[in-house]
C-alpha atoms as a PDB file:
ATOM      1  CA  MET A   1      86.876   2.215 -46.882  1.00  0.00           C
ATOM      2  CA  ARG A   2      90.099   4.227 -46.997  1.00  0.00           C
ATOM      3  CA  SER A   3      93.465   2.572 -46.693  1.00  0.00           C
ATOM      4  CA  VAL A   4      96.725   4.156 -45.602  1.00  0.00           C
ATOM      5  CA  ARG A   5     100.046   2.497 -46.347  1.00  0.00           C
ATOM      6  CA  LEU A   6     102.778   2.963 -43.781  1.00  0.00           C
ATOM      7  CA  ASP A   7     106.242   2.349 -45.265  1.00  0.00           C
ATOM      8  CA  CYS A   8     108.268   0.774 -42.456  1.00  0.00           C
ATOM      9  CA  GLY A   9     111.439   0.403 -44.529  1.00  0.00           C
ATOM     10  CA  GLN A  10     113.329   3.082 -42.586  1.00  0.00           C
ATOM     11  CA  LEU A  11     112.626   1.520 -39.172  1.00  0.00           C
ATOM     12  CA  GLU A  12     115.957  -0.228 -38.638  1.00  0.00           C
ATOM     13  CA  ALA A  13     115.830  -0.599 -34.843  1.00  0.00           C
ATOM     14  CA  PRO A  14     112.176  -0.533 -33.751  1.00  0.00           C
ATOM     15  CA  THR A  15     111.321  -0.319 -30.060  1.00  0.00           C
ATOM     16  CA  ALA A  16     108.238  -0.815 -27.943  1.00  0.00           C
ATOM     17  CA  ALA A  17     107.487   2.880 -28.510  1.00  0.00           C
ATOM     18  CA  THR A  18     107.499   2.223 -32.267  1.00  0.00           C
ATOM     19  CA  ILE A  19     104.952  -0.567 -31.847  1.00  0.00           C
ATOM     20  CA  ASP A  20     102.869   1.692 -29.591  1.00  0.00           C
ATOM     21  CA  GLN A  21     102.718   4.409 -32.251  1.00  0.00           C
ATOM     22  CA  ILE A  22     101.842   1.915 -35.004  1.00  0.00           C
ATOM     23  CA  ALA A  23      99.085   0.427 -32.819  1.00  0.00           C
ATOM     24  CA  ARG A  24      97.674   3.887 -32.039  1.00  0.00           C
ATOM     25  CA  LEU A  25      97.664   4.758 -35.734  1.00  0.00           C
ATOM     26  CA  HIS A  26      95.891   1.464 -36.457  1.00  0.00           C
ATOM     27  CA  VAL A  27      93.193   2.246 -33.854  1.00  0.00           C
ATOM     28  CA  ALA A  28      92.728   5.779 -35.197  1.00  0.00           C
ATOM     29  CA  MET A  29      92.318   4.469 -38.744  1.00  0.00           C
ATOM     30  CA  ARG A  30      89.756   1.885 -37.621  1.00  0.00           C
ATOM     31  CA  ARG A  31      87.743   4.552 -35.791  1.00  0.00           C
ATOM     32  CA  CYS A  32      87.603   6.586 -39.002  1.00  0.00           C
ATOM     33  CA  GLY A  33      86.492   3.543 -40.977  1.00  0.00           C
ATOM     34  CA  GLY A  34      89.887   3.104 -42.598  1.00  0.00           C
ATOM     35  CA  GLU A  35      92.588   0.513 -42.634  1.00  0.00           C
ATOM     36  CA  LEU A  36      96.324   0.666 -41.956  1.00  0.00           C
ATOM     37  CA  GLU A  37      98.584  -1.362 -44.226  1.00  0.00           C
ATOM     38  CA  LEU A  38     102.214  -1.883 -43.241  1.00  0.00           C
ATOM     39  CA  THR A  39     104.702  -2.206 -46.102  1.00  0.00           C
ATOM     40  CA  ASN A  40     108.425  -3.007 -46.201  1.00  0.00           C
ATOM     41  CA  VAL A  41     108.325  -4.561 -42.745  1.00  0.00           C
ATOM     42  CA  ASN A  42     111.836  -5.701 -41.848  1.00  0.00           C
ATOM     43  CA  PRO A  43     112.414  -8.941 -39.894  1.00  0.00           C
ATOM     44  CA  CYS A  44     113.206  -7.111 -36.643  1.00  0.00           C
ATOM     45  CA  LEU A  45     109.935  -5.177 -36.707  1.00  0.00           C
ATOM     46  CA  ARG A  46     108.034  -8.283 -37.789  1.00  0.00           C
ATOM     47  CA  GLU A  47     109.367 -10.263 -34.821  1.00  0.00           C
ATOM     48  CA  LEU A  48     108.695  -7.434 -32.368  1.00  0.00           C
ATOM     49  CA  ILE A  49     105.095  -7.179 -33.574  1.00  0.00           C
ATOM     50  CA  GLY A  50     104.736 -10.924 -33.121  1.00  0.00           C
ATOM     51  CA  PHE A  51     106.366 -10.799 -29.685  1.00  0.00           C
ATOM     52  CA  VAL A  52     103.852  -8.264 -28.365  1.00  0.00           C
ATOM     53  CA  GLY A  53     100.984 -10.284 -29.845  1.00  0.00           C
ATOM     54  CA  LEU A  54      99.798  -7.815 -32.484  1.00  0.00           C
ATOM     55  CA  ALA A  55     100.623  -9.837 -35.604  1.00  0.00           C
ATOM     56  CA  GLY A  56      96.976 -10.758 -36.153  1.00  0.00           C
ATOM     57  CA  VAL A  57      95.694  -7.263 -35.459  1.00  0.00           C
ATOM     58  CA  LEU A  58      98.235  -5.522 -37.671  1.00  0.00           C
ATOM     59  CA  ARG A  59      98.042  -8.343 -40.231  1.00  0.00           C
ATOM     60  CA  VAL A  60     101.744  -9.040 -40.249  1.00  0.00           C
ATOM     61  CA  GLU A  61     102.863 -12.591 -40.826  1.00  0.00           C
ATOM     62  CA  VAL A  62     105.580 -13.546 -38.377  1.00  0.00           C
ATOM     63  CA  ARG A  63     108.187 -15.607 -40.158  1.00  0.00           C
ATOM     64  CA  ARG A  64     110.229 -18.127 -38.267  1.00  0.00           C
ATOM     65  CA  GLN A  65     113.709 -19.301 -38.993  1.00  0.00           C
ATOM     66  CA  PRO A  66     113.935 -22.906 -40.266  1.00  0.00           C
ATOM     67  CA  GLU A  67     115.535 -24.095 -37.012  1.00  0.00           C
ATOM     68  CA  GLN A  68     112.448 -22.834 -35.160  1.00  0.00           C
ATOM     69  CA  TRP A  69     110.122 -25.038 -37.212  1.00  0.00           C
ATOM     70  CA  LYS A  70     109.735 -27.911 -34.828  1.00  0.00           C
ATOM     71  CA  GLN A  71     107.337 -30.748 -35.252  1.00  0.00           C
ATOM     72  CA  PRO A  72     104.661 -30.799 -32.573  1.00  0.00           C
ATOM     73  CA  ARG A  73     105.299 -33.516 -30.052  1.00  0.00           C
ATOM     74  CA  CYS A  74     102.794 -36.301 -29.839  1.00  0.00           C
ATOM     75  CA  VAL A  75     101.002 -36.971 -26.612  1.00  0.00           C
ATOM     76  CA  GLU A  76     101.343 -40.539 -25.539  1.00  0.00           C
ATOM     77  CA  GLU A  77      98.328 -42.371 -24.310  1.00  0.00           C
ATOM     78  CA  GLU A  78      97.933 -42.633 -20.599  1.00  0.00           C
ATOM     79  CA  GLY A  79      98.063 -46.057 -19.094  1.00  0.00           C
ATOM     80  CA  GLU A  80      99.275 -48.010 -16.127  1.00  0.00           C
ATOM     81  CA  LEU A  81     102.797 -49.302 -16.017  1.00  0.00           C
ATOM     82  CA  GLY A  82     103.203 -53.017 -15.589  1.00  0.00           C
ATOM     83  CA  ASP A  83     105.147 -54.544 -12.723  1.00  0.00           C
ATOM     84  CA  PRO A  84     108.902 -54.153 -13.180  1.00  0.00           C
ATOM     85  CA  PRO A  85     110.817 -57.374 -13.797  1.00  0.00           C
ATOM     86  CA  ALA A  86     112.320 -58.893 -10.672  1.00  0.00           C
END
Protein backbone atom coordinates (compact mmCIF):
# COMPACT_ATOMS: atom_id res chain seq x y z
CA MET A 1 0.00 0.00 0.00
CA ARG A 2 1.34 3.43 -0.94
CA SER A 3 1.13 6.34 1.44
CA VAL A 4 1.21 10.03 0.58
CA ARG A 5 1.96 12.63 3.23
CA LEU A 6 0.22 15.96 2.86
CA ASP A 7 2.02 18.73 4.78
CA CYS A 8 -0.73 21.03 6.03
CA GLY A 9 1.64 23.42 7.81
CA GLN A 10 1.05 26.26 5.34
CA LEU A 11 -2.75 26.14 5.66
CA GLU A 12 -3.22 29.06 8.05
CA ALA A 13 -6.89 29.83 7.33
CA PRO A 14 -8.54 26.68 5.97
CA THR A 15 -12.05 26.86 4.53
CA ALA A 16 -14.73 24.38 3.57
CA ALA A 17 -13.13 24.30 0.11
CA THR A 18 -9.86 23.21 1.73
CA ILE A 19 -11.61 20.34 3.49
CA ASP A 20 -13.35 19.41 0.22
CA GLN A 21 -10.02 19.16 -1.61
CA ILE A 22 -8.43 17.11 1.20
CA ALA A 23 -11.44 14.75 1.22
CA ARG A 24 -11.29 14.34 -2.57
CA LEU A 25 -7.58 13.57 -2.38
CA HIS A 26 -8.30 11.02 0.36
CA VAL A 27 -10.95 9.30 -1.81
CA ALA A 28 -8.63 9.25 -4.83
CA MET A 29 -5.84 7.69 -2.78
CA ARG A 30 -8.19 5.02 -1.40
CA ARG A 31 -9.38 4.14 -4.91
CA CYS A 32 -5.76 3.61 -5.96
CA GLY A 33 -5.12 1.42 -2.93
CA GLY A 34 -3.15 4.12 -1.15
CA GLU A 35 -3.47 6.13 2.00
CA LEU A 36 -3.38 9.86 2.70
CA GLU A 37 -1.53 10.99 5.81
CA LEU A 38 -1.96 14.56 7.03
CA THR A 39 1.04 16.11 8.79
CA ASN A 40 1.54 19.44 10.58
CA VAL A 41 -2.19 19.91 11.05
CA ASN A 42 -2.76 23.21 12.83
CA PRO A 43 -5.53 23.59 15.45
CA CYS A 44 -7.81 25.55 13.10
CA LEU A 45 -7.71 22.84 10.43
CA ARG A 46 -8.06 20.13 13.06
CA GLU A 47 -11.22 21.73 14.45
CA LEU A 48 -12.69 22.31 11.00
CA ILE A 49 -12.14 18.66 10.09
CA GLY A 50 -13.84 17.66 13.33
CA PHE A 51 -16.70 20.10 12.73
CA VAL A 52 -17.55 18.59 9.34
CA GLY A 53 -17.35 15.08 10.82
CA LEU A 54 -14.31 13.80 8.93
CA ALA A 55 -11.92 13.36 11.86
CA GLY A 56 -12.37 9.59 11.85
CA VAL A 57 -12.11 9.28 8.09
CA LEU A 58 -9.03 11.48 7.78
CA ARG A 59 -7.61 10.05 11.02
CA VAL A 60 -7.15 13.40 12.69
CA GLU A 61 -7.57 13.57 16.43
CA VAL A 62 -9.67 16.57 17.40
CA ARG A 63 -8.22 18.14 20.50
CA ARG A 64 -10.42 20.03 22.88
CA GLN A 65 -9.51 22.89 25.12
CA PRO A 66 -9.46 22.03 28.85
CA GLU A 67 -12.58 24.13 29.51
CA GLN A 68 -14.44 21.95 26.99
CA TRP A 69 -13.68 18.77 28.94
CA LYS A 70 -16.89 18.42 30.84
CA GLN A 71 -17.85 15.46 32.91
CA PRO A 72 -20.84 13.60 31.49
CA ARG A 73 -23.95 14.29 33.49
CA CYS A 74 -25.50 11.40 35.31
CA VAL A 75 -29.04 10.39 34.56
CA GLU A 76 -31.14 10.25 37.66
CA GLU A 77 -33.42 7.33 38.18
CA GLU A 78 -37.02 7.86 37.31
CA GLY A 79 -39.51 7.65 40.10
CA GLU A 80 -42.68 9.15 41.44
CA LEU A 81 -42.57 12.24 43.57
CA GLY A 82 -44.10 11.96 46.99
CA ASP A 83 -46.91 14.21 48.16
CA PRO A 84 -45.69 17.72 48.96
CA PRO A 85 -45.82 18.70 52.63
CA ALA A 86 -48.94 20.61 53.60
